[in-house]
């Protein structure tokens, strides 16, 4: 089992810098841990370096329940609204989708 980063992540990159095997990368909205690379720092440190470095305790051992809940939440609710720039007259400028 590897570690994971929960939604509490504030994108500070502290965990990325501390990971000895570079299993942490920047994702679309928060940092993510590659479970195939993560070694949990077992045998190297008494506490996983990401957990030690995270200021908001977002690095935790991977939990199947949390992952299932996150996947379910992604499929609920209204789709996001995409905002576009309008010119002063309220029209969408040429070349801008909308």
Protein backbone atom coordinates (compact mmCIF):
# COMPACT_ATOMS: atom_id res chain seq x y z
CA UNK A 1 0.00 0.00 0.00
CA UNK A 2 1.24 3.49 -0.81
CA UNK A 3 0.45 6.94 0.48
CA UNK A 4 -2.09 9.26 -1.14
CA UNK A 5 -2.81 12.98 -1.05
CA UNK A 6 -6.30 14.01 0.02
CA UNK A 7 -8.39 17.00 -1.09
CA UNK A 8 -6.95 19.07 1.78
CA UNK A 9 -3.82 19.60 -0.38
CA UNK A 10 -2.94 23.30 -0.69
CA UNK A 11 -0.41 22.86 -3.54
CA UNK A 12 2.55 24.04 -1.49
CA UNK A 13 4.96 21.44 -3.01
CA UNK A 14 6.53 20.64 0.37
CA UNK A 15 5.83 16.93 -0.06
CA UNK A 16 7.23 16.83 -3.59
CA UNK A 17 10.58 18.17 -2.42
CA UNK A 18 10.80 15.65 0.44
CA UNK A 19 9.95 12.45 -1.48
CA UNK A 20 13.17 10.40 -1.78
CA UNK A 21 11.91 8.41 -4.80
CA UNK A 22 10.16 11.29 -6.63
CA UNK A 23 6.75 9.57 -6.51
CA UNK A 24 4.94 12.91 -6.07
CA UNK A 25 4.04 15.13 -9.02
CA UNK A 26 1.82 18.10 -9.64
CA UNK A 27 -1.68 17.11 -10.81
CA UNK A 28 -4.41 19.26 -12.36
CA UNK A 29 -5.71 20.57 -9.02
CA UNK A 30 -3.40 19.11 -6.36
CA UNK A 31 -0.29 17.00 -5.97
CA UNK A 32 -0.61 13.24 -6.54
CA UNK A 33 1.44 10.21 -5.48
CA UNK A 34 2.20 7.45 -7.98
CA UNK A 35 1.37 4.25 -6.05
CA UNK A 36 3.69 2.23 -8.27
CA UNK A 37 6.68 4.32 -7.19
CA UNK A 38 5.83 5.15 -3.56
CA UNK A 39 7.79 3.09 -1.02
CA UNK A 40 6.20 4.75 2.05
CA UNK A 41 9.78 5.54 3.13
CA UNK A 42 9.68 2.16 4.88
CA UNK A 43 13.08 1.23 6.22
CA UNK A 44 14.48 4.69 5.54
CA UNK A 45 12.56 7.05 7.83
CA UNK A 46 10.38 6.48 10.91
CA UNK A 47 7.56 8.52 9.27
CA UNK A 48 6.90 8.93 5.55
CA UNK A 49 8.62 12.12 4.39
CA UNK A 50 5.51 13.44 2.64
CA UNK A 51 3.44 13.03 5.80
CA UNK A 52 6.21 14.66 7.84
CA UNK A 53 6.48 17.65 5.47
CA UNK A 54 2.79 18.33 4.76
CA UNK A 55 1.55 21.40 6.69
CA UNK A 56 -2.13 20.38 6.39
CA UNK A 57 -1.82 16.60 6.93
CA UNK A 58 -3.04 15.80 3.40
CA UNK A 59 -0.55 12.92 2.95
CA UNK A 60 -2.05 9.74 4.40
CA UNK A 61 -1.83 5.99 3.82
CA UNK A 62 -4.00 5.07 0.83
CA UNK A 63 -7.59 4.31 1.83
CA UNK A 64 -9.99 2.51 -0.53
CA UNK A 65 -13.03 4.16 1.11
CA UNK A 66 -11.68 7.67 0.49
CA UNK A 67 -10.83 6.88 -3.15
CA UNK A 68 -14.33 5.47 -3.79
CA UNK A 69 -15.97 8.50 -2.18
CA UNK A 70 -13.83 10.90 -4.25
CA UNK A 71 -14.73 9.10 -7.48
CA UNK A 72 -18.43 9.25 -6.60
CA UNK A 73 -18.27 12.96 -5.82
CA UNK A 74 -16.69 13.68 -9.20
CA UNK A 75 -19.78 12.29 -10.92
CA UNK A 76 -22.30 14.37 -8.95
CA UNK A 77 -23.44 17.93 -9.36
CA UNK A 78 -23.69 20.36 -12.22
CA UNK A 79 -20.89 20.58 -14.75
CA UNK A 80 -18.47 23.48 -14.25
CA UNK A 81 -19.27 26.82 -15.85
CA UNK A 82 -16.65 28.09 -18.28
CA UNK A 83 -16.29 31.86 -18.15
CA UNK A 84 -15.10 33.84 -21.14
CA UNK A 85 -13.90 37.39 -21.51
CA UNK A 86 -16.40 39.82 -22.96
CA UNK A 87 -15.50 43.02 -24.69
CA UNK A 88 -16.93 46.25 -23.20
CA UNK A 89 -20.04 45.91 -25.39
CA UNK A 90 -20.88 42.50 -23.87
CA UNK A 91 -19.85 40.51 -26.95
CA UNK A 92 -17.40 37.63 -27.07
CA UNK A 93 -14.24 38.80 -28.88
CA UNK A 94 -13.30 37.09 -32.16
CA UNK A 95 -11.12 34.02 -31.67
CA UNK A 96 -12.41 33.33 -28.15
CA UNK A 97 -14.66 30.30 -27.77
CA UNK A 98 -17.86 30.74 -25.85
